C-alpha atoms as a PDB file:
ATOM      1  CA  UNK A   1      -0.503   3.967 -13.433  1.00  0.00           C
ATOM      2  CA  UNK A   2      -2.288   3.194 -10.167  1.00  0.00           C
ATOM      3  CA  UNK A   3      -5.710   1.562 -10.021  1.00  0.00           C
ATOM      4  CA  UNK A   4      -8.010   1.267  -7.025  1.00  0.00           C
ATOM      5  CA  UNK A   5      -8.968  -2.295  -6.120  1.00  0.00           C
ATOM      6  CA  UNK A   6     -12.557  -2.667  -4.920  1.00  0.00           C
ATOM      7  CA  UNK A   7     -12.554  -4.230  -1.458  1.00  0.00           C
ATOM      8  CA  UNK A   8     -14.350  -4.109   1.883  1.00  0.00           C
ATOM      9  CA  UNK A   9     -15.283  -0.676   3.249  1.00  0.00           C
ATOM     10  CA  UNK A  10     -12.602  -0.756   5.954  1.00  0.00           C
ATOM     11  CA  UNK A  11      -9.763  -1.023   3.411  1.00  0.00           C
ATOM     12  CA  UNK A  12      -8.158   0.987   0.668  1.00  0.00           C
ATOM     13  CA  UNK A  13      -6.282  -1.135  -1.853  1.00  0.00           C
ATOM     14  CA  UNK A  14      -4.366  -0.239  -4.992  1.00  0.00           C
ATOM     15  CA  UNK A  15      -2.358  -1.851  -7.769  1.00  0.00           C
ATOM     16  CA  UNK A  16       0.560  -0.047  -9.386  1.00  0.00           C
ATOM     17  CA  UNK A  17       1.061  -1.127 -13.004  1.00  0.00           C
ATOM     18  CA  UNK A  18       3.902  -0.272 -15.376  1.00  0.00           C
ATOM     19  CA  UNK A  19       5.094   3.313 -15.244  1.00  0.00           C
ATOM     20  CA  UNK A  20       4.010   5.078 -12.063  1.00  0.00           C
ATOM     21  CA  UNK A  21       4.433   8.770 -11.328  1.00  0.00           C
ATOM     22  CA  UNK A  22       4.136  10.909  -8.229  1.00  0.00           C
ATOM     23  CA  UNK A  23       1.035  12.491  -9.781  1.00  0.00           C
ATOM     24  CA  UNK A  24      -0.569   9.036 -10.087  1.00  0.00           C
ATOM     25  CA  UNK A  25      -0.053   8.554  -6.371  1.00  0.00           C
ATOM     26  CA  UNK A  26      -1.270  12.022  -5.411  1.00  0.00           C
ATOM     27  CA  UNK A  27      -4.372  11.853  -7.617  1.00  0.00           C
ATOM     28  CA  UNK A  28      -5.468   8.275  -6.875  1.00  0.00           C
ATOM     29  CA  UNK A  29      -4.123   7.085  -3.511  1.00  0.00           C
ATOM     30  CA  UNK A  30      -3.943  10.138  -1.268  1.00  0.00           C
ATOM     31  CA  UNK A  31      -7.587  11.260  -1.718  1.00  0.00           C
ATOM     32  CA  UNK A  32      -8.826   7.755  -0.883  1.00  0.00           C
ATOM     33  CA  UNK A  33      -6.624   7.597   2.218  1.00  0.00           C
ATOM     34  CA  UNK A  34      -7.791  11.021   3.338  1.00  0.00           C
ATOM     35  CA  UNK A  35     -11.422   9.965   3.014  1.00  0.00           C
ATOM     36  CA  UNK A  36     -10.916   6.689   4.845  1.00  0.00           C
ATOM     37  CA  UNK A  37      -8.831   8.217   7.638  1.00  0.00           C
ATOM     38  CA  UNK A  38     -11.639  10.652   8.501  1.00  0.00           C
ATOM     39  CA  UNK A  39     -14.247   7.939   8.831  1.00  0.00           C
ATOM     40  CA  UNK A  40     -12.480   5.236  10.848  1.00  0.00           C
ATOM     41  CA  UNK A  41     -10.072   4.739  13.724  1.00  0.00           C
ATOM     42  CA  UNK A  42      -7.414   2.866  11.761  1.00  0.00           C
ATOM     43  CA  UNK A  43      -6.365   2.622   8.127  1.00  0.00           C
ATOM     44  CA  UNK A  44      -6.125  -0.814   6.515  1.00  0.00           C
ATOM     45  CA  UNK A  45      -4.056  -0.435   3.351  1.00  0.00           C
ATOM     46  CA  UNK A  46      -2.921  -2.811   0.623  1.00  0.00           C
ATOM     47  CA  UNK A  47      -0.553  -1.786  -2.137  1.00  0.00           C
ATOM     48  CA  UNK A  48       0.197  -4.289  -4.899  1.00  0.00           C
ATOM     49  CA  UNK A  49       3.263  -3.457  -6.980  1.00  0.00           C
ATOM     50  CA  UNK A  50       3.104  -4.862 -10.510  1.00  0.00           C
ATOM     51  CA  UNK A  51       6.027  -2.799 -11.713  1.00  0.00           C
ATOM     52  CA  UNK A  52       9.622  -3.564 -12.607  1.00  0.00           C
ATOM     53  CA  UNK A  53      12.118  -3.233  -9.781  1.00  0.00           C
ATOM     54  CA  UNK A  54      13.766  -0.691 -12.061  1.00  0.00           C
ATOM     55  CA  UNK A  55      10.568   1.384 -12.012  1.00  0.00           C
ATOM     56  CA  UNK A  56      10.700   1.375  -8.217  1.00  0.00           C
ATOM     57  CA  UNK A  57      14.329   2.323  -7.814  1.00  0.00           C
ATOM     58  CA  UNK A  58      14.881   4.706 -10.716  1.00  0.00           C
ATOM     59  CA  UNK A  59      11.835   6.887 -10.209  1.00  0.00           C
ATOM     60  CA  UNK A  60      11.204   9.335  -7.434  1.00  0.00           C
ATOM     61  CA  UNK A  61       7.509   8.418  -7.129  1.00  0.00           C
ATOM     62  CA  UNK A  62       8.225   5.875  -4.400  1.00  0.00           C
ATOM     63  CA  UNK A  63      10.028   8.346  -2.141  1.00  0.00           C
ATOM     64  CA  UNK A  64       7.379  10.981  -2.816  1.00  0.00           C
ATOM     65  CA  UNK A  65       4.721   8.411  -1.969  1.00  0.00           C
ATOM     66  CA  UNK A  66       6.346   7.572   1.339  1.00  0.00           C
ATOM     67  CA  UNK A  67       6.436  11.251   2.205  1.00  0.00           C
ATOM     68  CA  UNK A  68       2.727  11.523   1.424  1.00  0.00           C
ATOM     69  CA  UNK A  69       1.879   8.456   3.511  1.00  0.00           C
ATOM     70  CA  UNK A  70       3.707   9.781   6.577  1.00  0.00           C
ATOM     71  CA  UNK A  71       0.975  12.376   7.105  1.00  0.00           C
ATOM     72  CA  UNK A  72      -1.388   9.622   8.249  1.00  0.00           C
ATOM     73  CA  UNK A  73      -0.830   8.498  11.831  1.00  0.00           C
ATOM     74  CA  UNK A  74      -3.700   6.082  12.285  1.00  0.00           C
ATOM     75  CA  UNK A  75      -2.441   2.955  10.482  1.00  0.00           C
ATOM     76  CA  UNK A  76      -3.912  -0.380  11.487  1.00  0.00           C
ATOM     77  CA  UNK A  77      -2.687  -2.878   8.866  1.00  0.00           C
ATOM     78  CA  UNK A  78      -0.428  -2.132   5.924  1.00  0.00           C
ATOM     79  CA  UNK A  79       0.426  -4.789   3.328  1.00  0.00           C
ATOM     80  CA  UNK A  80       2.754  -4.606   0.353  1.00  0.00           C
ATOM     81  CA  UNK A  81       2.352  -7.197  -2.386  1.00  0.00           C
ATOM     82  CA  UNK A  82       5.409  -7.505  -4.603  1.00  0.00           C
ATOM     83  CA  UNK A  83       7.985  -9.981  -5.811  1.00  0.00           C
ATOM     84  CA  UNK A  84      10.666  -7.350  -5.191  1.00  0.00           C
ATOM     85  CA  UNK A  85      12.430  -8.210  -1.908  1.00  0.00           C
ATOM     86  CA  UNK A  86      13.457  -4.597  -1.250  1.00  0.00           C
ATOM     87  CA  UNK A  87       9.843  -3.414  -1.347  1.00  0.00           C
ATOM     88  CA  UNK A  88       8.664  -6.219   0.885  1.00  0.00           C
ATOM     89  CA  UNK A  89      11.433  -6.032   3.447  1.00  0.00           C
ATOM     90  CA  UNK A  90      12.164  -2.356   3.902  1.00  0.00           C
ATOM     91  CA  UNK A  91      10.601  -0.260   1.186  1.00  0.00           C
ATOM     92  CA  UNK A  92       7.841   0.982   3.467  1.00  0.00           C
ATOM     93  CA  UNK A  93       9.433   1.076   6.919  1.00  0.00           C
ATOM     94  CA  UNK A  94       7.966   4.506   7.739  1.00  0.00           C
ATOM     95  CA  UNK A  95       4.924   2.838   9.294  1.00  0.00           C
ATOM     96  CA  UNK A  96       5.507   2.980  13.040  1.00  0.00           C
ATOM     97  CA  UNK A  97       1.898   2.553  14.115  1.00  0.00           C
ATOM     98  CA  UNK A  98      -0.039  -0.540  13.233  1.00  0.00           C
ATOM     99  CA  UNK A  99       1.202  -3.739  11.629  1.00  0.00           C
ATOM    100  CA  UNK A 100       3.182  -4.114   8.410  1.00  0.00           C
ATOM    101  CA  UNK A 101       3.549  -7.285   6.350  1.00  0.00           C
ATOM    102  CA  UNK A 102       4.974  -8.013   2.943  1.00  0.00           C
ATOM    103  CA  UNK A 103       3.539 -10.664   0.634  1.00  0.00           C
ATOM    104  CA  UNK A 104       4.641 -12.189  -2.665  1.00  0.00           C
ATOM    105  CA  UNK A 105       2.318 -11.637  -5.653  1.00  0.00           C
ATOM    106  CA  UNK A 106       1.132 -15.243  -5.559  1.00  0.00           C
ATOM    107  CA  UNK A 107      -0.177 -14.600  -2.025  1.00  0.00           C
ATOM    108  CA  UNK A 108      -2.356 -11.619  -3.006  1.00  0.00           C
ATOM    109  CA  UNK A 109      -5.569 -13.166  -1.631  1.00  0.00           C
ATOM    110  CA  UNK A 110      -3.843 -14.000   1.647  1.00  0.00           C
ATOM    111  CA  UNK A 111      -2.630 -10.397   1.891  1.00  0.00           C
ATOM    112  CA  UNK A 112      -6.120  -9.064   1.262  1.00  0.00           C
ATOM    113  CA  UNK A 113      -7.630 -11.322   3.934  1.00  0.00           C
ATOM    114  CA  UNK A 114      -4.955 -10.258   6.414  1.00  0.00           C
ATOM    115  CA  UNK A 115      -5.571  -6.554   5.746  1.00  0.00           C
ATOM    116  CA  UNK A 116      -9.329  -7.108   6.090  1.00  0.00           C
ATOM    117  CA  UNK A 117      -8.711  -8.604   9.515  1.00  0.00           C
ATOM    118  CA  UNK A 118     -10.078 -11.979   8.421  1.00  0.00           C
ATOM    119  CA  UNK A 119      -6.916 -13.684   9.632  1.00  0.00           C
ATOM    120  CA  UNK A 120      -3.975 -12.948  11.891  1.00  0.00           C
ATOM    121  CA  UNK A 121      -1.783 -15.512  10.173  1.00  0.00           C
ATOM    122  CA  UNK A 122       0.414 -14.838   7.217  1.00  0.00           C
END
């Protein structure tokens, strides 16, 4: 399941919990990104993964999600919050425009501030 996290207006943020499906991503994340991308020059995006590593690697939702995210070209800041090293280091390498940073779960607030543009430091 994916839940939207309420944040500043210049950000879309989500938390993936437990079992996640491609439909969860298409129904929750993509419409929010489409709306934000029409109203601003750059997308600030935070995705917190509270799922088992097994959920990430054994399900196709992650690859389907990456395919869906590639349609957006105007990325500004993109943060992944996860304790899974694969997700943080290379799980979302499609993002060629803008900045990408990975954060551990304990640094969630730091990730949110970075995506908001409140800080340039990690």
